[in-house]
């Protein structure tokens, strides 16, 4: 028997996550785990399954898997001051390999107060980020064209973690908009969405629309970082 198709998250999905914020203990989670599975985890799995199939049908070089693309509800508290054991959101990535370690991604994040979709290149290594910045300078018209489909959908750059100063080697740049781009630590864009997109297949369609619009930007970035990663892998072997 085939798995049922994605039809949205359960009506108790957001209430569960909100309650989890108040009940950060393993006993409460264990007692309510069935609700988590029914209204959040299983719908997320169906979304991922259907999304992977639709991306393949469309010939888009991205994929995802239930085991490799999702983030656990349990938090890793070993290196954090805040020791609450559970995340109060569910999320997943979509990449070329379907794993969380691959660069060039789509990301969806669902929480009671902040649901959003993101796309781009997150937490690149220093050499990759520098090469990306250099490529933006060298091929600015191409980069602008790659952004256009995403900007037309209402996506905008994530600037919260931007550098205060222009990075070394780019001090000669004097265009304010270009300086703002060069100061970004992550080349990602995001757009928030309302909880109504969790009903039915709205979120699935939104991610597919994003995947299609993101191809120019992802291709731009992959052409920049793939040679760096290949060279690093060759050196390592």
Protein backbone atom coordinates (compact mmCIF):
# COMPACT_ATOMS: atom_id res chain seq x y z
CA UNK A 1 0.00 0.00 0.00
CA UNK A 2 1.35 3.44 -0.93
CA UNK A 3 1.81 6.13 1.68
CA UNK A 4 -1.03 8.68 1.90
CA UNK A 5 -0.37 11.96 0.14
CA UNK A 6 0.41 15.16 1.98
CA UNK A 7 -2.76 17.10 2.84
CA UNK A 8 -1.37 19.62 5.29
CA UNK A 9 -0.37 19.63 8.93
CA UNK A 10 -2.78 18.67 11.68
CA UNK A 11 -5.02 21.21 13.39
CA UNK A 12 -3.09 20.72 16.62
CA UNK A 13 0.33 21.28 15.05
CA UNK A 14 0.88 24.87 16.16
CA UNK A 15 -0.94 24.47 19.50
CA UNK A 16 1.33 21.52 20.29
CA UNK A 17 4.48 23.53 19.56
CA UNK A 18 3.20 26.44 21.63
CA UNK A 19 2.42 24.13 24.56
CA UNK A 20 5.83 22.52 24.22
CA UNK A 21 7.36 25.92 24.88
CA UNK A 22 5.70 25.91 28.30
CA UNK A 23 6.27 22.22 29.05
CA UNK A 24 9.97 21.71 28.43
CA UNK A 25 10.26 18.36 30.14
CA UNK A 26 10.53 14.80 28.90
CA UNK A 27 7.53 13.56 30.85
CA UNK A 28 5.15 15.98 29.14
CA UNK A 29 6.61 15.24 25.72
CA UNK A 30 6.37 11.50 26.27
CA UNK A 31 2.74 11.81 27.33
CA UNK A 32 1.92 13.87 24.22
CA UNK A 33 4.23 12.23 21.71
CA UNK A 34 1.32 10.71 19.81
CA UNK A 35 0.02 14.20 19.10
CA UNK A 36 3.46 15.26 17.82
CA UNK A 37 3.60 12.27 15.49
CA UNK A 38 0.06 12.68 14.14
CA UNK A 39 -0.08 16.44 13.68
CA UNK A 40 3.56 17.34 12.96
CA UNK A 41 6.08 14.59 12.29
CA UNK A 42 4.02 12.36 10.01
CA UNK A 43 2.63 15.28 7.95
CA UNK A 44 6.18 16.61 7.58
CA UNK A 45 7.26 13.19 6.32
CA UNK A 46 4.44 13.12 3.76
CA UNK A 47 5.35 16.63 2.65
CA UNK A 48 8.95 15.56 2.13
CA UNK A 49 7.96 12.41 0.24
CA UNK A 50 5.62 14.27 -2.11
CA UNK A 51 8.05 17.15 -2.54
CA UNK A 52 10.88 14.82 -3.55
CA UNK A 53 8.63 13.15 -6.12
CA UNK A 54 7.41 16.45 -7.55
CA UNK A 55 10.94 17.87 -7.79
CA UNK A 56 12.07 14.77 -9.66
CA UNK A 57 9.12 15.00 -12.05
CA UNK A 58 9.93 18.64 -12.74
CA UNK A 59 13.60 17.88 -13.41
CA UNK A 60 14.75 20.17 -10.60
CA UNK A 61 18.12 19.02 -9.19
CA UNK A 62 17.01 19.08 -5.56
CA UNK A 63 15.67 16.37 -3.29
CA UNK A 64 14.86 15.52 0.32
CA UNK A 65 14.31 12.50 2.55
CA UNK A 66 12.58 11.85 5.85
CA UNK A 67 15.76 10.71 7.58
CA UNK A 68 18.36 12.93 5.95
CA UNK A 69 16.58 16.28 5.57
CA UNK A 70 14.70 16.80 8.83
CA UNK A 71 15.85 18.35 12.09
CA UNK A 72 15.08 16.57 15.34
CA UNK A 73 12.64 17.98 17.86
CA UNK A 74 15.25 17.21 20.56
CA UNK A 75 17.76 20.00 21.07
CA UNK A 76 21.51 19.47 21.42
CA UNK A 77 22.09 21.32 24.68
CA UNK A 78 25.73 20.33 25.21
CA UNK A 79 27.16 23.66 24.10
CA UNK A 80 24.33 26.06 24.93
CA UNK A 81 23.48 28.04 28.04
CA UNK A 82 19.77 27.50 27.47
CA UNK A 83 19.10 23.87 28.43
CA UNK A 84 15.50 23.35 27.28
CA UNK A 85 15.47 19.86 25.78
CA UNK A 86 13.07 20.49 22.87
CA UNK A 87 12.83 22.76 19.87
CA UNK A 88 9.53 24.59 19.50
CA UNK A 89 9.56 24.33 15.72
CA UNK A 90 9.80 21.69 13.01
CA UNK A 91 11.90 22.16 9.92
CA UNK A 92 13.71 20.50 7.02
CA UNK A 93 16.09 21.25 4.16
CA UNK A 94 16.00 20.45 0.47
CA UNK A 95 19.39 20.10 -1.24
CA UNK A 96 21.05 18.39 -4.20
CA UNK A 97 21.86 15.31 -2.11
CA UNK A 98 18.95 15.56 0.31
CA UNK A 99 21.34 15.93 3.24
CA UNK A 100 21.81 18.82 5.66
CA UNK A 101 25.54 19.14 4.88
CA UNK A 102 25.09 20.12 1.23
CA UNK A 103 25.34 23.78 0.18
CA UNK A 104 22.63 25.48 -1.86
CA UNK A 105 19.38 24.77 -0.05
CA UNK A 106 15.71 25.38 0.46
CA UNK A 107 14.52 25.41 4.07
CA UNK A 108 11.10 25.43 5.68
CA UNK A 109 10.48 26.36 9.30
CA UNK A 110 7.20 26.00 11.17
CA UNK A 111 6.61 27.49 14.60
CA UNK A 112 3.69 29.21 16.36
CA UNK A 113 5.18 32.69 15.93
CA UNK A 114 7.38 32.42 12.86
CA UNK A 115 6.73 30.30 9.78
CA UNK A 116 9.04 30.97 6.86
CA UNK A 117 10.74 29.62 3.75
CA UNK A 118 14.41 30.29 2.96
CA UNK A 119 16.75 29.68 0.05
CA UNK A 120 20.43 30.15 -0.65
CA UNK A 121 23.85 29.37 0.78
CA UNK A 122 24.11 29.22 4.56
CA UNK A 123 27.24 29.05 6.73
CA UNK A 124 29.71 28.72 3.88
CA UNK A 125 33.36 28.18 4.71
CA UNK A 126 35.50 31.31 4.57
CA UNK A 127 37.04 30.47 1.19
CA UNK A 128 33.63 29.78 -0.32
CA UNK A 129 32.16 32.99 1.04
CA UNK A 130 35.06 35.07 -0.26
CA UNK A 131 34.77 33.47 -3.71
CA UNK A 132 31.02 34.14 -3.68
CA UNK A 133 31.64 37.81 -2.87
CA UNK A 134 34.21 38.06 -5.64
CA UNK A 135 31.77 36.46 -8.09
CA UNK A 136 29.09 39.00 -7.16
CA UNK A 137 31.50 41.83 -7.98
CA UNK A 138 32.72 40.24 -11.20
CA UNK A 139 29.30 39.20 -12.50
CA UNK A 140 26.88 41.62 -10.86
CA UNK A 141 24.37 41.75 -13.77
CA UNK A 142 24.17 37.94 -13.77
CA UNK A 143 23.73 37.88 -10.01
CA UNK A 144 20.99 40.50 -10.18
CA UNK A 145 19.19 38.48 -12.85
CA UNK A 146 19.45 35.36 -10.69
CA UNK A 147 17.81 37.21 -7.80
CA UNK A 148 14.95 38.66 -9.82
CA UNK A 149 12.60 35.62 -9.71
CA UNK A 150 12.97 35.41 -5.92
CA UNK A 151 12.51 39.13 -5.31
CA UNK A 152 9.35 39.05 -7.43
CA UNK A 153 7.94 36.41 -5.04
CA UNK A 154 8.59 38.62 -2.03
CA UNK A 155 11.83 37.05 -0.79
CA UNK A 156 14.47 39.32 0.76
CA UNK A 157 17.99 38.87 2.10
CA UNK A 158 18.52 37.78 5.70
CA UNK A 159 20.56 40.61 7.20
CA UNK A 160 20.37 39.90 10.95
CA UNK A 161 23.87 38.41 11.09
CA UNK A 162 25.58 40.90 8.77
CA UNK A 163 29.07 42.21 9.40
CA UNK A 164 29.40 45.71 10.83
CA UNK A 165 32.29 46.50 8.49
CA UNK A 166 33.07 45.68 4.89
CA UNK A 167 35.19 42.49 4.74
CA UNK A 168 38.90 42.79 4.08
CA UNK A 169 39.79 43.04 0.43
CA UNK A 170 36.55 44.78 -0.54
CA UNK A 171 37.19 48.19 1.02
CA UNK A 172 37.32 49.80 -2.43
CA UNK A 173 33.61 49.15 -3.00
CA UNK A 174 31.60 52.34 -2.48
CA UNK A 175 28.12 51.43 -3.71
CA UNK A 176 25.86 51.17 -0.60
CA UNK A 177 23.72 48.33 -1.96
CA UNK A 178 26.77 46.35 -2.99
CA UNK A 179 28.44 46.95 0.37
CA UNK A 180 25.34 45.57 2.09
CA UNK A 181 25.61 42.40 -0.02
CA UNK A 182 29.31 41.95 0.73
CA UNK A 183 28.68 42.26 4.47
CA UNK A 184 26.25 39.33 4.51
CA UNK A 185 27.55 36.27 6.36
CA UNK A 186 24.98 34.06 4.62
CA UNK A 187 23.69 34.44 1.08
CA UNK A 188 20.12 33.48 1.96
CA UNK A 189 16.72 35.01 1.29
CA UNK A 190 13.53 34.35 3.24
CA UNK A 191 9.80 34.98 3.14
CA UNK A 192 7.36 34.47 5.98
CA UNK A 193 3.96 32.83 5.53
CA UNK A 194 0.78 32.59 7.54
CA UNK A 195 -0.53 29.47 9.31
CA UNK A 196 -3.23 29.07 6.64
CA UNK A 197 -0.54 27.68 4.30
CA UNK A 198 -0.29 24.66 6.62
CA UNK A 199 -3.81 23.59 5.60
CA UNK A 200 -4.13 21.48 2.46
CA UNK A 201 -1.25 21.46 -0.02
CA UNK A 202 -0.48 25.17 0.06
CA UNK A 203 2.98 24.80 1.61
CA UNK A 204 3.93 22.05 -0.83
CA UNK A 205 3.03 24.27 -3.78
CA UNK A 206 4.89 27.21 -2.23
CA UNK A 207 8.09 25.17 -1.88
CA UNK A 208 7.83 23.95 -5.47
CA UNK A 209 7.35 27.52 -6.68
CA UNK A 210 10.40 28.54 -4.65
CA UNK A 211 12.47 25.67 -6.03
CA UNK A 212 11.77 26.75 -9.61
CA UNK A 213 12.44 30.42 -8.91
CA UNK A 214 15.64 29.59 -7.03
CA UNK A 215 17.40 27.73 -9.84
CA UNK A 216 19.28 30.75 -11.25
CA UNK A 217 20.64 31.73 -7.83
CA UNK A 218 21.52 28.16 -6.88
CA UNK A 219 23.25 27.58 -10.21
CA UNK A 220 25.20 30.82 -9.76
CA UNK A 221 26.39 29.72 -6.32
CA UNK A 222 27.16 26.14 -7.29
CA UNK A 223 29.42 27.35 -10.10
CA UNK A 224 31.32 29.35 -7.48
CA UNK A 225 31.71 26.84 -4.67
CA UNK A 226 31.80 23.47 -6.45
CA UNK A 227 35.37 23.95 -7.80
CA UNK A 228 36.53 24.98 -4.32
CA UNK A 229 34.98 21.91 -2.72
CA UNK A 230 36.34 19.61 -5.45
CA UNK A 231 39.84 21.02 -4.96
CA UNK A 232 39.59 20.58 -1.20
CA UNK A 233 38.40 16.99 -1.60
CA UNK A 234 41.29 16.22 -3.98
CA UNK A 235 43.78 17.65 -1.49
CA UNK A 236 42.26 15.63 1.34
CA UNK A 237 42.68 12.39 -0.59
